[in-house]
Amino acid sequence: MPGLQTIDAIRAFSRFYTTRLGVVGPTYLGTEHTLSDARVIFELDVRKTARAADLVQDLGIDPSYLSRIITRFGKAGLLTATPDPDDGRSRLLSLTARGREEAARLAVLSRGEIGAMIERLSEPEAQSLEVALGTAERLLSKDTPRPAFDLRQHRPGDMGWIVESQASFYTREHGWNENFEALVAEIVSQFLKSFNPRRERVWIAERDGARIGSIVLADGGDDTGKLRLLYVDEAARGLGLGNRLVEECIGFAASAGYRRISLWTNHTLTAARSLYTHKGFRKIEEAEHAMFGPPLVGETWELELSGIGSPSP
């Protein structure tokens, strides 16, 4: 269980953040609203309708205090309250047109305040901040856990990350030399130069905005798709990510009309080889080499795609 150091770090950040955003004063961002007022407006703008009891529970507001906010908003023409058809003791709250305009005004003020705070950050720094905030939200959330990871197609910068992550990992964990990085860079370069989205695809796995895995399907000619550059970050082991990436690759290859998938790997990569075996690949060729420094046995594996359907959702 985390100790006082973690608790004090969270308290320190809370003091810093609330002071910088101006939410500890008598009004919110210099408006006539309190922070609690703004939270109620925001929630009603997002939810469209909500029961008062739900706001009490979700926002941690005292019921009598919320009742006073509702009364004040009603008099100001910001909010309407109608009987709840499912519970005669409850009311459904929603913003009026004027209330929605007020929500939009507060959103502009908030974005402006935060924008001024982060304008000095570089793009990489901004991305690091997004990842850190997402991680904090996930770790501190009481809600249902988010998916272990998300998959998407590649964007600018992703292929460079593939080269870096593969080279760093295999140098560190397997002692491979710079020839491996050169090979990965060559594969990536050739793929980008001739990329055909109807027949080829890259999957990037993310968790809280951080890239944690990848796989590539390239057109190998002769109705053969080439599975390349499977990578799962050490921090993502045990999530089933490698299995999912290979499944996506197989499904896409089948839907794209390939008759088979081919891949090349090395005998020391036992986890990947076990995964390929589980998915029905069979080793058809092997040869000793020392391209990356240590003596290795390179292996060619294939999977026939007859009878395999479309990609998993």
Protein backbone atom coordinates (compact mmCIF):
# COMPACT_ATOMS: atom_id res chain seq x y z
CA MET A 1 0.00 0.00 0.00
CA PRO A 2 1.38 3.46 -0.90
CA GLY A 3 2.65 5.48 2.04
CA LEU A 4 2.70 9.08 3.20
CA GLN A 5 5.12 10.10 0.46
CA THR A 6 2.53 9.27 -2.24
CA ILE A 7 -0.26 10.93 -0.26
CA ASP A 8 1.73 14.10 0.27
CA ALA A 9 2.72 14.19 -3.41
CA ILE A 10 -0.96 14.08 -4.43
CA ARG A 11 -1.84 16.80 -1.90
CA ALA A 12 0.99 18.99 -3.18
CA PHE A 13 -0.15 18.62 -6.78
CA SER A 14 -3.75 19.35 -5.78
CA ARG A 15 -2.69 22.60 -4.12
CA PHE A 16 -0.59 23.58 -7.14
CA TYR A 17 -3.29 22.73 -9.68
CA THR A 18 -6.21 24.38 -7.91
CA THR A 19 -4.18 27.54 -7.29
CA ARG A 20 -3.06 27.76 -10.93
CA LEU A 21 -6.63 27.30 -12.21
CA GLY A 22 -8.07 29.85 -9.83
CA VAL A 23 -10.64 27.51 -8.29
CA VAL A 24 -9.88 28.19 -4.63
CA GLY A 25 -11.18 31.76 -4.55
CA PRO A 26 -14.75 32.92 -3.90
CA THR A 27 -15.67 32.65 -7.60
CA TYR A 28 -14.76 30.41 -10.52
CA LEU A 29 -12.43 31.94 -13.14
CA GLY A 30 -13.57 35.44 -12.21
CA THR A 31 -17.25 34.73 -12.98
CA GLU A 32 -20.22 35.08 -10.67
CA HIS A 33 -20.25 31.29 -10.17
CA THR A 34 -18.61 29.18 -7.49
CA LEU A 35 -16.67 26.05 -8.37
CA SER A 36 -19.66 23.93 -7.33
CA ASP A 37 -21.92 26.00 -9.60
CA ALA A 38 -19.58 25.37 -12.52
CA ARG A 39 -19.43 21.63 -11.82
CA VAL A 40 -23.24 21.38 -11.84
CA ILE A 41 -23.46 23.34 -15.10
CA PHE A 42 -20.79 21.18 -16.71
CA GLU A 43 -22.41 17.90 -15.65
CA LEU A 44 -25.85 18.95 -16.89
CA ASP A 45 -24.35 20.12 -20.17
CA VAL A 46 -22.69 16.72 -20.69
CA ARG A 47 -25.52 14.53 -19.40
CA LYS A 48 -28.39 16.62 -20.84
CA THR A 49 -30.63 15.44 -17.98
CA ALA A 50 -29.79 14.21 -14.48
CA ARG A 51 -31.48 13.49 -11.18
CA ALA A 52 -30.50 15.66 -8.24
CA ALA A 53 -29.66 12.51 -6.27
CA ASP A 54 -27.20 11.43 -8.98
CA LEU A 55 -25.43 14.80 -8.84
CA VAL A 56 -25.21 14.57 -5.06
CA GLN A 57 -23.56 11.16 -5.32
CA ASP A 58 -21.30 11.80 -8.31
CA LEU A 59 -20.12 15.29 -7.38
CA GLY A 60 -20.01 14.83 -3.61
CA ILE A 61 -22.23 17.87 -3.01
CA ASP A 62 -24.30 18.27 0.13
CA PRO A 63 -28.01 17.77 -0.81
CA SER A 64 -29.17 21.00 0.82
CA TYR A 65 -26.37 22.95 -0.89
CA LEU A 66 -27.32 21.46 -4.26
CA SER A 67 -30.95 22.35 -3.60
CA ARG A 68 -29.95 25.99 -3.13
CA ILE A 69 -27.93 25.90 -6.37
CA ILE A 70 -30.91 24.46 -8.25
CA THR A 71 -33.24 27.11 -6.85
CA ARG A 72 -30.82 29.91 -7.76
CA PHE A 73 -30.25 28.53 -11.27
CA GLY A 74 -34.00 28.20 -11.77
CA LYS A 75 -34.57 31.84 -10.86
CA ALA A 76 -31.76 32.88 -13.21
CA GLY A 77 -33.31 30.94 -16.09
CA LEU A 78 -30.36 28.56 -16.40
CA LEU A 79 -32.11 25.35 -15.37
CA THR A 80 -35.46 23.60 -15.45
CA ALA A 81 -36.70 20.83 -13.16
CA THR A 82 -39.41 18.42 -14.25
CA PRO A 83 -40.99 15.43 -12.45
CA ASP A 84 -39.16 12.15 -12.91
CA PRO A 85 -41.59 9.69 -14.60
CA ASP A 86 -39.78 6.78 -12.95
CA ASP A 87 -39.72 8.26 -9.45
CA GLY A 88 -42.35 10.68 -8.23
CA ARG A 89 -40.10 11.84 -5.40
CA SER A 90 -37.32 12.91 -7.78
CA ARG A 91 -36.87 15.64 -10.39
CA LEU A 92 -35.04 15.61 -13.70
CA LEU A 93 -32.76 18.60 -14.15
CA SER A 94 -31.68 20.05 -17.48
CA LEU A 95 -30.17 23.27 -18.76
CA THR A 96 -32.24 25.83 -20.62
CA ALA A 97 -30.97 27.46 -23.80
CA ARG A 98 -29.54 30.20 -21.59
CA GLY A 99 -27.94 27.55 -19.39
CA ARG A 100 -26.26 25.94 -22.38
CA GLU A 101 -24.92 29.33 -23.44
CA GLU A 102 -23.49 29.75 -19.94
CA ALA A 103 -21.90 26.30 -20.15
CA ALA A 104 -20.26 27.28 -23.44
CA ARG A 105 -18.97 30.52 -21.89
CA LEU A 106 -17.43 28.68 -18.96
CA ALA A 107 -15.83 26.15 -21.32
CA VAL A 108 -14.18 28.96 -23.31
CA LEU A 109 -12.85 30.54 -20.11
CA SER A 110 -11.54 27.22 -18.82
CA ARG A 111 -9.85 26.31 -22.10
CA GLY A 112 -8.28 29.76 -22.25
CA GLU A 113 -6.95 29.44 -18.72
CA ILE A 114 -5.44 26.01 -19.39
CA GLY A 115 -4.18 27.04 -22.82
CA ALA A 116 -2.23 29.92 -21.29
CA MET A 117 -0.79 27.54 -18.72
CA ILE A 118 0.60 25.09 -21.28
CA GLU A 119 1.47 27.40 -24.18
CA ARG A 120 5.19 27.23 -23.36
CA LEU A 121 5.25 23.43 -23.69
CA SER A 122 6.72 21.76 -26.76
CA GLU A 123 4.68 19.14 -28.59
CA PRO A 124 6.57 16.21 -26.98
CA GLU A 125 6.11 17.82 -23.56
CA ALA A 126 2.39 18.27 -24.21
CA GLN A 127 2.09 14.60 -25.22
CA SER A 128 3.96 13.56 -22.05
CA LEU A 129 1.55 15.64 -19.99
CA GLU A 130 -1.46 13.96 -21.67
CA VAL A 131 -0.04 10.52 -20.87
CA ALA A 132 0.68 11.46 -17.26
CA LEU A 133 -2.80 12.90 -16.71
CA GLY A 134 -4.44 9.86 -18.28
CA THR A 135 -2.39 7.57 -16.06
CA ALA A 136 -3.34 9.54 -12.95
CA GLU A 137 -7.03 9.44 -13.88
CA ARG A 138 -6.93 5.69 -14.50
CA LEU A 139 -5.10 4.89 -11.26
CA LEU A 140 -7.33 7.11 -9.10
CA SER A 141 -10.65 6.36 -10.80
CA LYS A 142 -13.40 4.54 -8.92
CA ASP A 143 -15.18 3.65 -12.13
CA THR A 144 -15.05 0.42 -14.11
CA PRO A 145 -11.48 -0.11 -15.33
CA ARG A 146 -10.78 1.02 -18.85
CA PRO A 147 -9.75 -1.45 -21.55
CA ALA A 148 -6.22 -2.72 -21.01
CA PHE A 149 -5.20 -1.15 -24.33
CA ASP A 150 -6.53 0.47 -27.50
CA LEU A 151 -5.56 -0.33 -31.08
CA ARG A 152 -5.32 2.13 -33.95
CA GLN A 153 -3.66 2.49 -37.34
CA HIS A 154 -0.36 4.29 -37.67
CA ARG A 155 0.08 8.06 -37.72
CA PRO A 156 3.11 10.25 -38.52
CA GLY A 157 5.86 9.47 -36.03
CA ASP A 158 4.68 5.94 -35.25
CA MET A 159 7.02 4.21 -37.68
CA GLY A 160 10.01 6.02 -36.21
CA TRP A 161 8.87 4.83 -32.79
CA ILE A 162 8.74 1.25 -34.11
CA VAL A 163 12.38 1.47 -35.17
CA GLU A 164 13.42 2.97 -31.83
CA SER A 165 11.45 0.56 -29.64
CA GLN A 166 12.60 -2.54 -31.53
CA ALA A 167 16.25 -1.48 -31.60
CA SER A 168 16.29 -0.51 -27.91
CA PHE A 169 14.60 -3.70 -26.76
CA TYR A 170 16.62 -6.22 -28.78
CA THR A 171 19.91 -4.49 -28.00
CA ARG A 172 19.11 -4.41 -24.28
CA GLU A 173 17.49 -7.84 -23.89
CA HIS A 174 19.27 -9.94 -26.53
CA GLY A 175 22.54 -8.15 -27.18
CA TRP A 176 21.88 -7.59 -30.88
CA ASN A 177 24.01 -5.02 -32.71
CA GLU A 178 23.26 -2.00 -34.88
CA ASN A 179 22.67 -4.22 -37.92
CA PHE A 180 19.29 -5.12 -36.47
CA GLU A 181 18.29 -1.46 -36.16
CA ALA A 182 19.41 -0.92 -39.75
CA LEU A 183 17.23 -3.84 -40.88
CA VAL A 184 14.16 -2.53 -39.05
CA ALA A 185 14.73 0.96 -40.48
CA GLU A 186 14.99 -0.52 -43.98
CA ILE A 187 11.76 -2.50 -43.53
CA VAL A 188 9.93 0.60 -42.28
CA SER A 189 11.29 2.77 -45.10
CA GLN A 190 10.26 0.31 -47.80
CA PHE A 191 6.82 -0.11 -46.24
CA LEU A 192 6.13 3.64 -46.16
CA LYS A 193 7.34 4.18 -49.72
CA SER A 194 4.95 1.63 -51.19
CA PHE A 195 2.16 1.60 -48.58
CA ASN A 196 -1.14 0.26 -49.95
CA PRO A 197 -3.90 0.68 -47.32
CA ARG A 198 -6.15 -1.85 -49.05
CA ARG A 199 -3.58 -4.60 -48.68
CA GLU A 200 -1.32 -3.43 -45.83
CA ARG A 201 -1.77 -2.20 -42.31
CA VAL A 202 0.03 -1.18 -39.13
CA TRP A 203 -1.52 -1.62 -35.70
CA ILE A 204 -0.32 0.59 -32.85
CA ALA A 205 -1.36 -0.38 -29.32
CA GLU A 206 -1.79 2.40 -26.77
CA ARG A 207 -2.49 2.58 -23.07
CA ASP A 208 -3.32 5.97 -21.56
CA GLY A 209 -1.88 7.61 -24.67
CA ALA A 210 1.46 5.78 -24.49
CA ARG A 211 2.48 3.38 -27.27
CA ILE A 212 3.01 -0.13 -25.91
CA GLY A 213 3.01 -2.41 -28.94
CA SER A 214 2.87 -2.79 -32.71
CA ILE A 215 2.61 -5.17 -35.62
CA VAL A 216 2.82 -4.74 -39.40
CA LEU A 217 1.23 -6.64 -42.27
CA ALA A 218 3.03 -5.98 -45.57
CA ASP A 219 2.33 -7.27 -49.06
CA GLY A 220 4.88 -9.99 -49.77
CA GLY A 221 3.63 -10.73 -53.29
CA ASP A 222 2.31 -14.04 -54.63
CA ASP A 223 -0.87 -13.72 -52.48
CA THR A 224 1.28 -13.73 -49.34
CA GLY A 225 1.04 -11.23 -46.51
CA LYS A 226 4.15 -10.72 -44.42
CA LEU A 227 3.75 -10.37 -40.66
CA ARG A 228 6.52 -8.09 -39.47
CA LEU A 229 7.82 -6.17 -36.46
CA LEU A 230 5.66 -7.64 -33.71
CA TYR A 231 6.52 -5.81 -30.51
CA VAL A 232 5.04 -5.76 -27.00
CA ASP A 233 6.55 -3.41 -24.46
CA GLU A 234 7.75 -4.93 -21.19
CA ALA A 235 5.16 -2.84 -19.29
CA ALA A 236 2.37 -4.45 -21.33
CA ARG A 237 3.25 -8.09 -20.75
CA GLY A 238 0.36 -10.19 -19.43
CA LEU A 239 -2.38 -8.11 -21.10
CA GLY A 240 -2.90 -10.49 -24.01
CA LEU A 241 -1.63 -7.80 -26.36
CA GLY A 242 0.62 -10.03 -28.46
CA ASN A 243 -2.26 -12.44 -29.03
CA ARG A 244 -4.60 -9.61 -30.04
CA LEU A 245 -2.10 -8.05 -32.43
CA VAL A 246 -1.52 -11.34 -34.23
CA GLU A 247 -5.29 -11.98 -34.38
CA GLU A 248 -5.88 -8.58 -35.97
CA CYS A 249 -3.12 -9.23 -38.48
CA ILE A 250 -4.54 -12.63 -39.45
CA GLY A 251 -8.09 -11.31 -39.74
CA PHE A 252 -7.08 -8.39 -41.94
CA ALA A 253 -4.93 -10.61 -44.17
CA ALA A 254 -7.87 -12.97 -44.70
CA SER A 255 -10.26 -10.11 -45.53
CA ALA A 256 -7.70 -8.57 -47.91
CA GLY A 257 -7.62 -11.79 -49.95
CA TYR A 258 -4.21 -13.20 -49.06
CA ARG A 259 -3.85 -16.97 -49.27
CA ARG A 260 -1.18 -17.19 -46.59
CA ILE A 261 0.87 -15.24 -44.07
CA SER A 262 4.62 -15.59 -43.83
CA LEU A 263 6.97 -14.36 -41.10
CA TRP A 264 10.63 -14.57 -40.18
CA THR A 265 11.78 -14.87 -36.58
CA ASN A 266 14.66 -16.27 -34.53
CA HIS A 267 14.88 -19.33 -32.31
CA THR A 268 15.62 -17.32 -29.14
CA LEU A 269 12.26 -15.52 -29.26
CA THR A 270 10.39 -18.26 -27.44
CA ALA A 271 7.29 -16.26 -26.44
CA ALA A 272 6.63 -15.12 -30.01
CA ARG A 273 7.26 -18.60 -31.41
CA SER A 274 4.83 -20.09 -28.90
CA LEU A 275 2.21 -17.55 -29.96
CA TYR A 276 2.72 -18.34 -33.64
CA THR A 277 2.34 -22.06 -32.95
CA HIS A 278 -0.88 -21.41 -31.02
CA LYS A 279 -2.28 -19.47 -33.97
CA GLY A 280 -1.58 -22.30 -36.41
CA PHE A 281 1.65 -21.15 -38.01
CA ARG A 282 4.15 -23.86 -38.91
CA LYS A 283 7.89 -23.59 -39.33
CA ILE A 284 8.91 -24.37 -42.91
CA GLU A 285 12.57 -23.36 -42.97
CA GLU A 286 15.49 -22.51 -40.72
CA ALA A 287 19.10 -21.39 -41.19
CA GLU A 288 21.94 -20.35 -38.91
CA HIS A 289 23.18 -16.76 -39.12
CA ALA A 290 25.05 -14.10 -37.13
CA MET A 291 23.62 -10.96 -38.77
CA PHE A 292 22.98 -9.24 -35.44
CA GLY A 293 26.11 -10.37 -33.57
CA PRO A 294 25.27 -13.49 -31.52
CA PRO A 295 24.84 -16.82 -33.32
CA LEU A 296 21.15 -17.33 -34.12
CA VAL A 297 18.85 -19.64 -36.04
CA GLY A 298 16.55 -17.72 -38.33
CA GLU A 299 13.17 -19.37 -38.96
CA THR A 300 10.50 -18.87 -41.62
CA TRP A 301 6.93 -19.65 -40.55
CA GLU A 302 3.71 -19.76 -42.59
CA LEU A 303 -0.02 -19.84 -41.96
CA GLU A 304 -2.49 -20.93 -44.63
CA LEU A 305 -5.57 -18.69 -44.55
CA SER A 306 -8.20 -20.90 -46.20
CA GLY A 307 -11.38 -20.83 -44.11
CA ILE A 308 -10.30 -17.92 -41.90
CA GLY A 309 -12.87 -15.12 -41.66
CA SER A 310 -12.81 -11.39 -41.17
CA PRO A 311 -10.95 -9.43 -38.50
CA SER A 312 -12.10 -9.44 -34.91
CA PRO A 313 -14.02 -6.32 -33.83
